[in-house]
Amino acid sequence: MKLHLFVFRKWKQLDDVQITVLDADGGKVMEKTLKMGAEGLLTRIDLTDQASGIYFISVQQNGKGKVSKVVKQ
């Protein structure tokens, strides 16, 4: 079963955006640094090869952002 998450975020600043995926133990599963475009940022996170469990997705820009919890079954 494929699991793709799409992250959309829009900030006023066009600075880099850091996306980090952590497992339930705090281990880093994936990390990306992307450029924010004028229309926002849309990226795909593929958790297909990861084990079932809880993951945390952090989307940060200039030290501010949001963390979301995802459960893969």
C-alpha atoms as a PDB file:
ATOM      1  CA  MET A   1       0.000   0.000   0.000  1.00  0.00           C
ATOM      2  CA  LYS A   2       1.375   3.403  -0.954  1.00  0.00           C
ATOM      3  CA  LEU A   3       1.178   6.305   1.462  1.00  0.00           C
ATOM      4  CA  HIS A   4       1.862   9.751   0.065  1.00  0.00           C
ATOM      5  CA  LEU A   5       1.217  12.877   2.082  1.00  0.00           C
ATOM      6  CA  PHE A   6       1.043  16.264   0.457  1.00  0.00           C
ATOM      7  CA  VAL A   7       2.167  19.322   2.367  1.00  0.00           C
ATOM      8  CA  PHE A   8       0.923  22.742   1.330  1.00  0.00           C
ATOM      9  CA  ARG A   9       2.048  25.820   3.168  1.00  0.00           C
ATOM     10  CA  LYS A  10       2.054  29.500   2.309  1.00  0.00           C
ATOM     11  CA  TRP A  11       4.030  32.176   4.146  1.00  0.00           C
ATOM     12  CA  LYS A  12       4.623  35.787   3.244  1.00  0.00           C
ATOM     13  CA  GLN A  13       8.405  35.310   3.238  1.00  0.00           C
ATOM     14  CA  LEU A  14      10.034  33.469   0.356  1.00  0.00           C
ATOM     15  CA  ASP A  15      12.771  31.999   2.579  1.00  0.00           C
ATOM     16  CA  ASP A  16      13.686  28.302   2.643  1.00  0.00           C
ATOM     17  CA  VAL A  17      11.302  25.862   4.324  1.00  0.00           C
ATOM     18  CA  GLN A  18      12.546  22.867   6.323  1.00  0.00           C
ATOM     19  CA  ILE A  19      10.409  19.723   6.346  1.00  0.00           C
ATOM     20  CA  THR A  20      11.371  17.009   8.803  1.00  0.00           C
ATOM     21  CA  VAL A  21       9.649  13.658   9.397  1.00  0.00           C
ATOM     22  CA  LEU A  22      10.305  11.959  12.741  1.00  0.00           C
ATOM     23  CA  ASP A  23       9.206   8.551  13.954  1.00  0.00           C
ATOM     24  CA  ALA A  24       7.545   8.047  17.350  1.00  0.00           C
ATOM     25  CA  ASP A  25      10.961   7.651  19.026  1.00  0.00           C
ATOM     26  CA  GLY A  26      12.197  10.977  17.618  1.00  0.00           C
ATOM     27  CA  GLY A  27      14.380   9.370  14.950  1.00  0.00           C
ATOM     28  CA  LYS A  28      14.741  11.373  11.745  1.00  0.00           C
ATOM     29  CA  VAL A  29      13.099   9.549   8.832  1.00  0.00           C
ATOM     30  CA  MET A  30      13.373  12.286   6.226  1.00  0.00           C
ATOM     31  CA  GLU A  31      14.534  15.866   5.912  1.00  0.00           C
ATOM     32  CA  LYS A  32      14.092  18.317   3.027  1.00  0.00           C
ATOM     33  CA  THR A  33      14.892  21.976   2.540  1.00  0.00           C
ATOM     34  CA  LEU A  34      12.789  23.602  -0.145  1.00  0.00           C
ATOM     35  CA  LYS A  35      12.332  27.079  -1.605  1.00  0.00           C
ATOM     36  CA  MET A  36       9.060  28.838  -0.859  1.00  0.00           C
ATOM     37  CA  GLY A  37       7.479  30.076  -4.082  1.00  0.00           C
ATOM     38  CA  ALA A  38       5.165  33.041  -4.502  1.00  0.00           C
ATOM     39  CA  GLU A  39       2.201  30.642  -4.767  1.00  0.00           C
ATOM     40  CA  GLY A  40       3.232  28.690  -1.667  1.00  0.00           C
ATOM     41  CA  LEU A  41       4.901  25.327  -1.249  1.00  0.00           C
ATOM     42  CA  LEU A  42       3.508  21.958  -2.259  1.00  0.00           C
ATOM     43  CA  THR A  43       5.570  18.829  -1.773  1.00  0.00           C
ATOM     44  CA  ARG A  44       4.966  15.096  -1.484  1.00  0.00           C
ATOM     45  CA  ILE A  45       6.187  12.987   1.411  1.00  0.00           C
ATOM     46  CA  ASP A  46       6.336   9.273   0.637  1.00  0.00           C
ATOM     47  CA  LEU A  47       6.009   7.011   3.688  1.00  0.00           C
ATOM     48  CA  THR A  48       5.391   3.874   1.630  1.00  0.00           C
ATOM     49  CA  ASP A  49       8.619   2.163   2.756  1.00  0.00           C
ATOM     50  CA  GLN A  50       8.216   3.127   6.420  1.00  0.00           C
ATOM     51  CA  ALA A  51       6.811   0.792   9.057  1.00  0.00           C
ATOM     52  CA  SER A  52       3.330   1.242  10.479  1.00  0.00           C
ATOM     53  CA  GLY A  53       3.282   3.645  13.395  1.00  0.00           C
ATOM     54  CA  ILE A  54       3.147   7.268  14.426  1.00  0.00           C
ATOM     55  CA  TYR A  55       5.099   9.962  12.586  1.00  0.00           C
ATOM     56  CA  PHE A  56       5.498  13.676  13.170  1.00  0.00           C
ATOM     57  CA  ILE A  57       5.870  16.078  10.255  1.00  0.00           C
ATOM     58  CA  SER A  58       7.475  19.407  11.031  1.00  0.00           C
ATOM     59  CA  VAL A  59       7.223  22.277   8.537  1.00  0.00           C
ATOM     60  CA  GLN A  60       9.379  25.233   9.635  1.00  0.00           C
ATOM     61  CA  GLN A  61      10.487  28.552   8.217  1.00  0.00           C
ATOM     62  CA  ASN A  62      12.710  30.965  10.145  1.00  0.00           C
ATOM     63  CA  GLY A  63      12.126  29.032  13.384  1.00  0.00           C
ATOM     64  CA  LYS A  64       8.318  29.142  13.118  1.00  0.00           C
ATOM     65  CA  GLY A  65       5.938  26.535  11.822  1.00  0.00           C
ATOM     66  CA  LYS A  66       3.776  23.586  12.669  1.00  0.00           C
ATOM     67  CA  VAL A  67       4.102  19.935  13.629  1.00  0.00           C
ATOM     68  CA  SER A  68       1.429  17.448  12.544  1.00  0.00           C
ATOM     69  CA  LYS A  69       0.945  13.883  13.731  1.00  0.00           C
ATOM     70  CA  VAL A  70       0.312  11.135  11.164  1.00  0.00           C
ATOM     71  CA  VAL A  71      -0.622   7.518  11.906  1.00  0.00           C
ATOM     72  CA  LYS A  72       0.341   4.930   9.299  1.00  0.00           C
ATOM     73  CA  GLN A  73      -1.558   1.661   9.665  1.00  0.00           C
END
